[in-house]
Amino acid sequence: MKKYGYHRLVLSSGRVVEGPLVVTLDDCSNVLEWHLLKGEEPMVAWVGGTLHA
């Protein structure tokens, strides 16, 4: 599992979640979990931009 930081997330339902937020991906790049970024978190690689899930 890897954690990445994005400015926004577009879910498969079409819902747009404005961040900043942290997205946890599995080894096949499937979204496992996401949450709003409230402060510095260890092991999060900042990507920026928009992730379309």
PDB file of N, CA and C in Angstrom:
ATOM      1  N   MET A   1       0.841  -1.179   0.000  1.00  0.00           N
ATOM      2  CA  MET A   1       0.000   0.000   0.000  1.00  0.00           C
ATOM      3  C   MET A   1       0.888   1.243   0.000  1.00  0.00           C
ATOM      4  N   LYS A   2       0.483   2.199  -0.781  1.00  0.00           N
ATOM      5  CA  LYS A   2       1.215   3.449  -0.886  1.00  0.00           C
ATOM      6  C   LYS A   2       0.251   4.602  -0.685  1.00  0.00           C
ATOM      7  N   LYS A   3       0.748   5.682  -0.093  1.00  0.00           N
ATOM      8  CA  LYS A   3      -0.078   6.862   0.159  1.00  0.00           C
ATOM      9  C   LYS A   3       0.431   8.026  -0.677  1.00  0.00           C
ATOM     10  N   TYR A   4      -0.522   8.721  -1.317  1.00  0.00           N
ATOM     11  CA  TYR A   4      -0.193   9.850  -2.171  1.00  0.00           C
ATOM     12  C   TYR A   4      -1.072  11.040  -1.813  1.00  0.00           C
ATOM     13  N   GLY A   5      -0.540  12.235  -1.988  1.00  0.00           N
ATOM     14  CA  GLY A   5      -1.289  13.452  -1.736  1.00  0.00           C
ATOM     15  C   GLY A   5      -1.744  14.094  -3.035  1.00  0.00           C
ATOM     16  N   TYR A   6      -3.001  14.520  -3.080  1.00  0.00           N
ATOM     17  CA  TYR A   6      -3.584  15.156  -4.262  1.00  0.00           C
ATOM     18  C   TYR A   6      -4.361  16.401  -3.853  1.00  0.00           C
ATOM     19  N   HIS A   7      -4.580  17.276  -4.834  1.00  0.00           N
ATOM     20  CA  HIS A   7      -5.410  18.454  -4.602  1.00  0.00           C
ATOM     21  C   HIS A   7      -6.890  18.103  -4.615  1.00  0.00           C
ATOM     22  N   ARG A   8      -7.263  17.121  -5.449  1.00  0.00           N
ATOM     23  CA  ARG A   8      -8.670  16.712  -5.523  1.00  0.00           C
ATOM     24  C   ARG A   8      -8.750  15.284  -6.026  1.00  0.00           C
ATOM     25  N   LEU A   9      -9.917  14.673  -5.770  1.00  0.00           N
ATOM     26  CA  LEU A   9     -10.183  13.292  -6.152  1.00  0.00           C
ATOM     27  C   LEU A   9     -11.532  13.252  -6.845  1.00  0.00           C
ATOM     28  N   VAL A  10     -11.588  12.636  -8.017  1.00  0.00           N
ATOM     29  CA  VAL A  10     -12.851  12.439  -8.728  1.00  0.00           C
ATOM     30  C   VAL A  10     -13.194  10.958  -8.604  1.00  0.00           C
ATOM     31  N   LEU A  11     -14.283  10.670  -7.891  1.00  0.00           N
ATOM     32  CA  LEU A  11     -14.704   9.296  -7.671  1.00  0.00           C
ATOM     33  C   LEU A  11     -15.444   8.755  -8.896  1.00  0.00           C
ATOM     34  N   SER A  12     -15.568   7.435  -8.978  1.00  0.00           N
ATOM     35  CA  SER A  12     -16.246   6.811 -10.125  1.00  0.00           C
ATOM     36  C   SER A  12     -17.706   7.254 -10.235  1.00  0.00           C
ATOM     37  N   SER A  13     -18.294   7.697  -9.133  1.00  0.00           N
ATOM     38  CA  SER A  13     -19.673   8.193  -9.142  1.00  0.00           C
ATOM     39  C   SER A  13     -19.784   9.586  -9.762  1.00  0.00           C
ATOM     40  N   GLY A  14     -18.631  10.227  -9.978  1.00  0.00           N
ATOM     41  CA  GLY A  14     -18.620  11.583 -10.507  1.00  0.00           C
ATOM     42  C   GLY A  14     -18.448  12.638  -9.435  1.00  0.00           C
ATOM     43  N   ARG A  15     -18.548  12.236  -8.184  1.00  0.00           N
ATOM     44  CA  ARG A  15     -18.368  13.170  -7.069  1.00  0.00           C
ATOM     45  C   ARG A  15     -16.927  13.673  -7.051  1.00  0.00           C
ATOM     46  N   VAL A  16     -16.774  14.984  -6.867  1.00  0.00           N
ATOM     47  CA  VAL A  16     -15.452  15.596  -6.779  1.00  0.00           C
ATOM     48  C   VAL A  16     -15.191  15.957  -5.328  1.00  0.00           C
ATOM     49  N   VAL A  17     -14.081  15.466  -4.794  1.00  0.00           N
ATOM     50  CA  VAL A  17     -13.680  15.753  -3.419  1.00  0.00           C
ATOM     51  C   VAL A  17     -12.496  16.708  -3.491  1.00  0.00           C
ATOM     52  N   GLU A  18     -12.683  17.901  -2.949  1.00  0.00           N
ATOM     53  CA  GLU A  18     -11.604  18.894  -2.925  1.00  0.00           C
ATOM     54  C   GLU A  18     -10.705  18.635  -1.731  1.00  0.00           C
ATOM     55  N   GLY A  19      -9.423  18.733  -1.918  1.00  0.00           N
ATOM     56  CA  GLY A  19      -8.443  18.450  -0.877  1.00  0.00           C
ATOM     57  C   GLY A  19      -7.868  19.707  -0.284  1.00  0.00           C
ATOM     58  N   PRO A  20      -6.675  19.585   0.204  1.00  0.00           N
ATOM     59  CA  PRO A  20      -5.750  18.486  -0.053  1.00  0.00           C
ATOM     60  C   PRO A  20      -6.188  17.210   0.658  1.00  0.00           C
ATOM     61  N   LEU A  21      -5.852  16.079   0.048  1.00  0.00           N
ATOM     62  CA  LEU A  21      -6.234  14.802   0.630  1.00  0.00           C
ATOM     63  C   LEU A  21      -5.169  13.747   0.387  1.00  0.00           C
ATOM     64  N   VAL A  22      -5.248  12.696   1.190  1.00  0.00           N
ATOM     65  CA  VAL A  22      -4.333  11.566   1.097  1.00  0.00           C
ATOM     66  C   VAL A  22      -5.125  10.374   0.587  1.00  0.00           C
ATOM     67  N   VAL A  23      -4.585   9.710  -0.429  1.00  0.00           N
ATOM     68  CA  VAL A  23      -5.233   8.545  -1.023  1.00  0.00           C
ATOM     69  C   VAL A  23      -4.306   7.345  -0.829  1.00  0.00           C
ATOM     70  N   THR A  24      -4.856   6.253  -0.304  1.00  0.00           N
ATOM     71  CA  THR A  24      -4.102   5.015  -0.149  1.00  0.00           C
ATOM     72  C   THR A  24      -4.451   4.097  -1.308  1.00  0.00           C
ATOM     73  N   LEU A  25      -3.422   3.658  -2.042  1.00  0.00           N
ATOM     74  CA  LEU A  25      -3.599   2.790  -3.196  1.00  0.00           C
ATOM     75  C   LEU A  25      -2.987   1.424  -2.933  1.00  0.00           C
ATOM     76  N   ASP A  26      -3.599   0.373  -3.508  1.00  0.00           N
ATOM     77  CA  ASP A  26      -3.000  -0.960  -3.406  1.00  0.00           C
ATOM     78  C   ASP A  26      -1.950  -1.126  -4.500  1.00  0.00           C
ATOM     79  N   ASP A  27      -1.393  -2.314  -4.636  1.00  0.00           N
ATOM     80  CA  ASP A  27      -0.330  -2.558  -5.611  1.00  0.00           C
ATOM     81  C   ASP A  27      -0.812  -2.458  -7.057  1.00  0.00           C
ATOM     82  N   CYS A  28      -2.119  -2.517  -7.274  1.00  0.00           N
ATOM     83  CA  CYS A  28      -2.693  -2.402  -8.623  1.00  0.00           C
ATOM     84  C   CYS A  28      -3.271  -1.006  -8.865  1.00  0.00           C
ATOM     85  N   SER A  29      -2.949  -0.057  -7.990  1.00  0.00           N
ATOM     86  CA  SER A  29      -3.399   1.339  -8.070  1.00  0.00           C
ATOM     87  C   SER A  29      -4.894   1.519  -7.864  1.00  0.00           C
ATOM     88  N   ASN A  30      -5.528   0.597  -7.166  1.00  0.00           N
ATOM     89  CA  ASN A  30      -6.928   0.747  -6.779  1.00  0.00           C
ATOM     90  C   ASN A  30      -7.008   1.556  -5.491  1.00  0.00           C
ATOM     91  N   VAL A  31      -7.979   2.467  -5.409  1.00  0.00           N
ATOM     92  CA  VAL A  31      -8.146   3.284  -4.205  1.00  0.00           C
ATOM     93  C   VAL A  31      -8.701   2.410  -3.080  1.00  0.00           C
ATOM     94  N   LEU A  32      -7.973   2.365  -1.981  1.00  0.00           N
ATOM     95  CA  LEU A  32      -8.424   1.624  -0.814  1.00  0.00           C
ATOM     96  C   LEU A  32      -9.108   2.535   0.191  1.00  0.00           C
ATOM     97  N   GLU A  33      -8.596   3.760   0.301  1.00  0.00           N
ATOM     98  CA  GLU A  33      -9.084   4.683   1.323  1.00  0.00           C
ATOM     99  C   GLU A  33      -8.620   6.078   0.954  1.00  0.00           C
ATOM    100  N   TRP A  34      -9.354   7.084   1.411  1.00  0.00           N
ATOM    101  CA  TRP A  34      -8.909   8.467   1.270  1.00  0.00           C
ATOM    102  C   TRP A  34      -9.406   9.266   2.461  1.00  0.00           C
ATOM    103  N   HIS A  35      -8.692  10.327   2.777  1.00  0.00           N
ATOM    104  CA  HIS A  35      -9.106  11.236   3.846  1.00  0.00           C
ATOM    105  C   HIS A  35      -8.475  12.594   3.602  1.00  0.00           C
ATOM    106  N   LEU A  36      -9.096  13.613   4.174  1.00  0.00           N
ATOM    107  CA  LEU A  36      -8.567  14.963   4.043  1.00  0.00           C
ATOM    108  C   LEU A  36      -7.260  15.078   4.813  1.00  0.00           C
ATOM    109  N   LEU A  37      -6.324  15.790   4.237  1.00  0.00           N
ATOM    110  CA  LEU A  37      -5.033  16.021   4.870  1.00  0.00           C
ATOM    111  C   LEU A  37      -5.184  17.163   5.870  1.00  0.00           C
ATOM    112  N   LYS A  38      -4.929  16.859   7.132  1.00  0.00           N
ATOM    113  CA  LYS A  38      -5.090  17.863   8.190  1.00  0.00           C
ATOM    114  C   LYS A  38      -3.766  18.344   8.755  1.00  0.00           C
ATOM    115  N   GLY A  39      -2.678  17.720   8.334  1.00  0.00           N
ATOM    116  CA  GLY A  39      -1.355  18.093   8.803  1.00  0.00           C
ATOM    117  C   GLY A  39      -0.322  17.184   8.170  1.00  0.00           C
ATOM    118  N   GLU A  40       0.915  17.391   8.522  1.00  0.00           N
ATOM    119  CA  GLU A  40       1.996  16.572   7.978  1.00  0.00           C
ATOM    120  C   GLU A  40       1.785  15.106   8.351  1.00  0.00           C
ATOM    121  N   GLU A  41       1.921  14.211   7.355  1.00  0.00           N
ATOM    122  CA  GLU A  41       1.798  12.777   7.591  1.00  0.00           C
ATOM    123  C   GLU A  41       3.043  12.077   7.050  1.00  0.00           C
ATOM    124  N   PRO A  42       3.554  11.097   7.776  1.00  0.00           N
ATOM    125  CA  PRO A  42       4.719  10.366   7.286  1.00  0.00           C
ATOM    126  C   PRO A  42       4.349   9.447   6.124  1.00  0.00           C
ATOM    127  N   MET A  43       5.304   9.215   5.264  1.00  0.00           N
ATOM    128  CA  MET A  43       5.193   8.249   4.168  1.00  0.00           C
ATOM    129  C   MET A  43       4.120   8.604   3.137  1.00  0.00           C
ATOM    130  N   VAL A  44       3.882   9.893   2.915  1.00  0.00           N
ATOM    131  CA  VAL A  44       2.937  10.338   1.888  1.00  0.00           C
ATOM    132  C   VAL A  44       3.738  11.057   0.807  1.00  0.00           C
ATOM    133  N   ALA A  45       3.644  10.564  -0.418  1.00  0.00           N
ATOM    134  CA  ALA A  45       4.313  11.210  -1.550  1.00  0.00           C
ATOM    135  C   ALA A  45       3.337  12.197  -2.183  1.00  0.00           C
ATOM    136  N   TRP A  46       3.723  13.478  -2.230  1.00  0.00           N
ATOM    137  CA  TRP A  46       2.836  14.497  -2.783  1.00  0.00           C
ATOM    138  C   TRP A  46       2.903  14.463  -4.303  1.00  0.00           C
ATOM    139  N   VAL A  47       1.744  14.292  -4.954  1.00  0.00           N
ATOM    140  CA  VAL A  47       1.646  14.266  -6.393  1.00  0.00           C
ATOM    141  C   VAL A  47       1.027  15.578  -6.878  1.00  0.00           C
ATOM    142  N   GLY A  48      -0.015  16.036  -6.174  1.00  0.00           N
ATOM    143  CA  GLY A  48      -0.732  17.224  -6.585  1.00  0.00           C
ATOM    144  C   GLY A  48      -1.714  16.889  -7.699  1.00  0.00           C
ATOM    145  N   GLY A  49      -2.400  17.892  -8.196  1.00  0.00           N
ATOM    146  CA  GLY A  49      -3.323  17.667  -9.298  1.00  0.00           C
ATOM    147  C   GLY A  49      -4.550  16.880  -8.882  1.00  0.00           C
ATOM    148  N   THR A  50      -5.147  16.199  -9.865  1.00  0.00           N
ATOM    149  CA  THR A  50      -6.401  15.483  -9.682  1.00  0.00           C
ATOM    150  C   THR A  50      -6.200  14.003  -9.949  1.00  0.00           C
ATOM    151  N   LEU A  51      -6.733  13.157  -9.067  1.00  0.00           N
ATOM    152  CA  LEU A  51      -6.743  11.718  -9.281  1.00  0.00           C
ATOM    153  C   LEU A  51      -8.156  11.316  -9.677  1.00  0.00           C
ATOM    154  N   HIS A  52      -8.296  10.616 -10.802  1.00  0.00           N
ATOM    155  CA  HIS A  52      -9.579  10.087 -11.247  1.00  0.00           C
ATOM    156  C   HIS A  52      -9.623   8.623 -10.847  1.00  0.00           C
ATOM    157  N   ALA A  53     -10.497   8.295  -9.892  1.00  0.00           N
ATOM    158  CA  ALA A  53     -10.557   6.933  -9.367  1.00  0.00           C
ATOM    159  C   ALA A  53     -11.650   6.123 -10.036  1.00  0.00           C
TER     160      ALA A  53
END
